[in-house]
Amino acid sequence: MSSWRNLKKGVFLVNLLAIVYDPKTKMILIGRREKDPYIKRLTWSFPGGRPGYRKDLEAYLKYEVKKKTNLDVDVEKIVFAKTYPEKRSFLSIYYLTIPKNVGKEKAGEKFKEIRWVKAN
């Protein structure tokens, strides 16, 4: 397979992110990332990743959230999608998700720690 950089304009590198929202506490879960070679200034983020072609997007997002936080989530809906001014070929899709097993969370792949914060 060739590098994504060789694709024609109009093709995006897609990143899925989960806004893990606990409706009981009105808090969201974020993770502190290890050094990211692509976004050097990023430290705290939502769990997620770049999907492959083997699963649908929502199934992939559930899988990534589980790997990074140990939480099982229900995917509710897409909240928004955006490109970044410095990198227009990068598309992030943010999903609202609801955790099913609050209290079982722990930092996993690429997260050094996770934290519940107020949803402002």
Protein backbone atom coordinates (compact mmCIF):
# COMPACT_ATOMS: atom_id res chain seq x y z
CA MET A 1 0.00 0.00 0.00
CA SER A 2 1.34 3.44 -0.85
CA SER A 3 1.77 6.27 1.61
CA TRP A 4 -1.29 8.43 2.31
CA ARG A 5 0.83 11.41 1.24
CA ASN A 6 0.65 10.14 -2.36
CA LEU A 7 -3.15 10.30 -2.54
CA LYS A 8 -4.90 12.93 -4.62
CA LYS A 9 -6.31 16.12 -3.12
CA GLY A 10 -9.67 15.71 -1.46
CA VAL A 11 -8.64 12.56 0.40
CA PHE A 12 -8.38 12.96 4.17
CA LEU A 13 -6.49 11.13 6.86
CA VAL A 14 -9.39 10.47 9.27
CA ASN A 15 -9.07 10.53 13.06
CA LEU A 16 -11.96 9.50 15.32
CA LEU A 17 -12.23 10.95 18.82
CA ALA A 18 -14.60 10.01 21.64
CA ILE A 19 -16.00 12.62 23.98
CA VAL A 20 -16.64 10.20 26.86
CA TYR A 21 -19.39 11.91 28.87
CA ASP A 22 -20.74 10.61 32.16
CA PRO A 23 -24.28 12.05 32.45
CA LYS A 24 -24.45 11.26 36.19
CA THR A 25 -21.47 13.44 37.11
CA LYS A 26 -21.55 15.70 34.02
CA MET A 27 -17.84 15.04 33.55
CA ILE A 28 -15.80 14.09 30.47
CA LEU A 29 -12.77 11.83 30.32
CA ILE A 30 -9.48 13.03 28.84
CA GLY A 31 -6.09 11.38 28.63
CA ARG A 32 -2.57 12.73 28.85
CA ARG A 33 -0.72 11.45 25.83
CA GLU A 34 2.80 10.28 25.48
CA LYS A 35 4.93 12.29 23.08
CA ASP A 36 3.05 12.48 19.80
CA PRO A 37 5.35 12.83 16.78
CA TYR A 38 2.58 14.45 14.72
CA ILE A 39 1.20 17.02 17.18
CA LYS A 40 4.10 18.02 19.41
CA ARG A 41 2.24 20.52 21.63
CA LEU A 42 -0.67 18.19 22.39
CA THR A 43 -0.71 16.77 25.89
CA TRP A 44 -4.36 16.12 26.86
CA SER A 45 -6.85 14.73 24.39
CA PHE A 46 -9.90 12.59 23.86
CA PRO A 47 -9.36 8.87 23.27
CA GLY A 48 -9.51 7.68 19.68
CA GLY A 49 -7.38 6.95 16.67
CA ARG A 50 -7.20 6.49 12.93
CA PRO A 51 -9.57 3.80 11.68
CA GLY A 52 -8.68 1.10 9.21
CA TYR A 53 -11.03 -0.37 6.66
CA ARG A 54 -11.97 -3.57 8.49
CA LYS A 55 -14.55 -2.18 10.95
CA ASP A 56 -17.22 0.46 10.72
CA LEU A 57 -16.27 3.78 12.33
CA GLU A 58 -18.33 3.37 15.50
CA ALA A 59 -17.01 -0.17 16.15
CA TYR A 60 -13.47 1.07 15.67
CA LEU A 61 -14.02 3.98 18.06
CA LYS A 62 -15.37 1.62 20.76
CA TYR A 63 -12.28 -0.54 20.30
CA GLU A 64 -9.91 2.44 20.65
CA VAL A 65 -11.68 3.78 23.74
CA LYS A 66 -11.42 0.35 25.36
CA LYS A 67 -7.67 0.12 24.59
CA LYS A 68 -6.92 3.60 25.89
CA THR A 69 -9.27 3.83 28.90
CA ASN A 70 -10.57 0.31 29.68
CA LEU A 71 -14.11 1.67 29.31
CA ASP A 72 -16.91 0.23 27.21
CA VAL A 73 -18.97 2.98 25.59
CA ASP A 74 -22.16 3.48 23.65
CA VAL A 75 -21.63 5.73 20.64
CA GLU A 76 -24.45 8.29 20.59
CA LYS A 77 -23.80 10.64 17.66
CA ILE A 78 -21.26 12.75 15.82
CA VAL A 79 -20.85 16.08 17.58
CA PHE A 80 -18.68 17.79 14.98
CA ALA A 81 -15.90 17.29 12.46
CA LYS A 82 -13.04 19.59 11.60
CA THR A 83 -9.88 20.02 9.63
CA TYR A 84 -6.89 21.85 11.03
CA PRO A 85 -5.54 25.11 9.55
CA GLU A 86 -1.97 23.83 9.54
CA LYS A 87 -2.87 20.44 8.04
CA ARG A 88 -5.99 20.52 5.84
CA SER A 89 -5.60 16.86 4.84
CA PHE A 90 -6.31 15.77 8.43
CA LEU A 91 -9.99 15.32 9.37
CA SER A 92 -11.07 14.70 12.98
CA ILE A 93 -14.57 13.42 13.73
CA TYR A 94 -15.73 13.86 17.33
CA TYR A 95 -18.39 11.49 18.70
CA LEU A 96 -20.41 11.79 21.89
CA THR A 97 -20.07 8.52 23.81
CA ILE A 98 -21.55 7.34 27.09
CA PRO A 99 -19.50 4.98 29.31
CA LYS A 100 -21.12 1.75 30.53
CA ASN A 101 -18.62 0.83 33.26
CA VAL A 102 -17.55 4.01 35.09
CA GLY A 103 -15.14 3.15 37.88
CA LYS A 104 -13.22 0.63 35.75
CA GLU A 105 -11.25 3.26 33.81
CA LYS A 106 -7.46 3.15 33.68
CA ALA A 107 -4.86 4.62 31.36
CA GLY A 108 -3.96 2.37 28.47
CA GLU A 109 -2.28 2.60 25.08
CA LYS A 110 -0.63 5.99 24.44
CA PHE A 111 -2.12 7.58 27.59
CA LYS A 112 0.11 8.11 30.63
CA GLU A 113 -2.91 9.07 32.73
CA ILE A 114 -6.60 9.75 32.38
CA ARG A 115 -8.77 12.22 34.27
CA TRP A 116 -12.44 13.14 34.59
CA VAL A 117 -12.92 16.90 34.13
CA LYS A 118 -15.90 19.25 34.14
CA ALA A 119 -17.64 19.44 30.79
CA ASN A 120 -17.34 23.16 30.05
